[in-house]
Protein backbone atom coordinates (compact mmCIF):
# COMPACT_ATOMS: atom_id res chain seq x y z
CA MET A 1 165.06 233.09 165.38
CA ALA A 2 166.45 233.76 162.02
CA PHE A 3 163.56 235.88 159.50
CA ARG A 4 163.85 235.34 155.63
CA SER A 5 162.16 238.28 153.77
CA ALA A 6 159.03 236.97 150.99
CA ASP A 7 159.64 236.27 147.65
CA PHE A 8 157.12 236.70 145.32
CA GLU A 9 159.03 236.12 142.64
CA GLY A 10 157.58 234.71 139.83
CA THR A 11 154.82 233.80 141.39
CA ASN A 12 150.92 235.55 141.78
CA THR A 13 149.82 237.28 144.67
CA ILE A 14 146.67 236.61 146.30
CA GLU A 15 146.09 240.96 146.75
CA GLY A 16 142.31 240.99 147.13
CA TYR A 17 138.91 239.97 147.52
CA GLY A 18 135.23 241.41 147.70
CA PRO A 19 131.72 239.79 147.27
CA GLY A 20 132.18 238.40 144.17
CA PHE A 21 135.72 238.72 142.60
CA PHE A 22 139.51 238.40 143.77
CA ARG A 23 142.43 240.52 142.87
CA VAL A 24 145.29 238.28 141.68
CA ALA A 25 148.72 240.84 140.40
CA GLY A 26 146.76 242.94 139.66
CA GLU A 27 144.10 241.93 137.52
CA VAL A 28 140.66 241.51 139.19
CA ILE A 29 138.51 238.12 138.50
CA ARG A 30 135.38 237.66 138.89
CA GLY A 31 133.70 234.35 140.50
CA GLY A 32 136.32 231.52 141.15
CA VAL A 33 139.34 231.51 140.74
CA LEU A 34 142.06 228.84 140.13
CA VAL A 35 146.17 230.24 141.09
CA VAL A 36 149.49 228.33 140.31
CA GLY A 37 152.61 230.48 140.55
CA GLU A 38 152.55 232.64 137.38
CA THR A 39 148.84 231.86 136.33
CA ALA A 40 145.71 232.59 137.60
CA THR A 41 142.13 231.77 135.87
CA PRO A 42 138.65 231.24 136.37
CA TRP A 43 137.57 228.56 137.87
CA GLY A 44 134.04 227.32 138.07
CA GLY A 45 133.75 225.49 141.46
CA LEU A 46 133.82 222.01 143.21
CA ALA A 47 132.15 220.38 140.19
CA ASP A 48 135.25 222.03 138.11
CA GLU A 49 137.74 218.72 138.71
CA ALA A 50 139.73 218.92 135.80
CA PRO A 51 141.91 221.87 136.46
CA LEU A 52 142.52 220.87 139.92
CA LEU A 53 143.85 217.30 138.80
CA ALA A 54 145.70 218.33 136.23
CA LEU A 55 147.74 219.96 139.23
CA ALA A 56 149.46 216.19 139.48
CA GLY A 57 153.32 216.59 139.35
CA GLN A 58 152.92 220.34 139.13
CA VAL A 59 152.02 221.20 143.62
CA ASP A 60 152.03 219.10 146.56
CA VAL A 61 149.14 220.82 148.39
CA LEU A 62 145.94 222.77 146.41
CA PHE A 63 144.07 225.11 149.68
CA LEU A 64 140.32 225.20 148.14
CA GLY A 65 138.83 228.39 149.88
CA THR A 66 135.50 227.32 150.53
CA GLY A 67 133.93 230.63 149.66
CA ALA A 68 132.76 233.01 153.29
CA GLU A 69 132.25 229.70 155.41
CA ALA A 70 134.20 226.87 156.56
CA ALA A 71 132.71 223.98 155.20
CA TYR A 72 134.10 220.40 153.75
CA ALA A 73 135.79 219.70 150.21
CA PRO A 74 133.89 216.73 148.74
CA ARG A 75 135.29 213.59 149.86
CA ASP A 76 135.90 212.15 146.28
CA LEU A 77 137.22 214.90 144.98
CA VAL A 78 139.91 214.35 148.23
CA ALA A 79 140.78 210.89 147.44
CA ARG A 80 141.20 211.69 143.92
CA LEU A 81 143.84 214.71 144.53
CA ALA A 82 145.46 212.26 147.11
CA ALA A 83 145.81 209.19 145.06
CA LEU A 84 148.17 211.88 141.96
CA LYS A 85 149.82 213.19 145.34
CA VAL A 86 148.41 216.27 145.82
CA HIS A 87 147.02 217.54 149.18
CA ALA A 88 143.34 219.43 149.34
CA GLU A 89 143.60 221.74 152.65
CA ALA A 90 139.72 222.87 152.51
CA MET A 91 139.16 226.56 154.56
CA PRO A 92 137.52 229.51 154.22
CA SER A 93 138.79 231.81 150.67
CA PRO A 94 140.23 234.35 153.04
CA GLN A 95 141.98 231.88 154.65
CA ALA A 96 143.17 230.15 151.53
CA ALA A 97 144.24 233.48 149.78
CA ARG A 98 146.24 234.28 153.60
CA THR A 99 147.10 230.53 153.17
CA TYR A 100 148.31 230.62 149.53
CA ASN A 101 150.35 233.64 149.53
CA VAL A 102 152.62 232.24 152.97
CA THR A 103 153.83 229.04 151.79
CA ARG A 104 154.22 230.32 148.17
CA SER A 105 156.42 233.01 149.61
CA GLU A 106 158.57 230.04 151.11
CA GLY A 107 158.99 228.67 147.76
CA ARG A 108 156.55 225.66 148.49
CA ARG A 109 154.69 223.92 145.70
CA VAL A 110 151.46 224.87 146.15
CA ALA A 111 148.12 226.23 144.49
CA CYS A 112 145.13 227.96 145.85
CA ALA A 113 141.10 227.07 144.67
CA LEU A 114 138.62 229.84 145.49
CA LEU A 115 135.16 229.96 145.78
CA PRO A 116 133.96 233.98 146.29
CA LEU A 117 132.75 235.34 148.87
């Protein structure tokens, strides 16, 4: 099997997290965060749908971090994103952050919206 080195050039990586915060590209962001390419912005949670719906055409997959525990994403939100051709995958925030980093390093069109622990 051939290995390929990770290339994060032109994108932010999620470097760490703790109670109530995430560290993205060296910057600490308190509360929820939306990470897309070179941009990391505060995110108001699952009720804050507008920035997620605005990802249409920019990404193919959105990893939704549900906090410390696994939870389902709201069906109506998942349906609206699917109609815009954005596949939403819900998982605990630590797993969503790691999955985002790996798939982004592969050059895929992904975003990550994380709820704090």
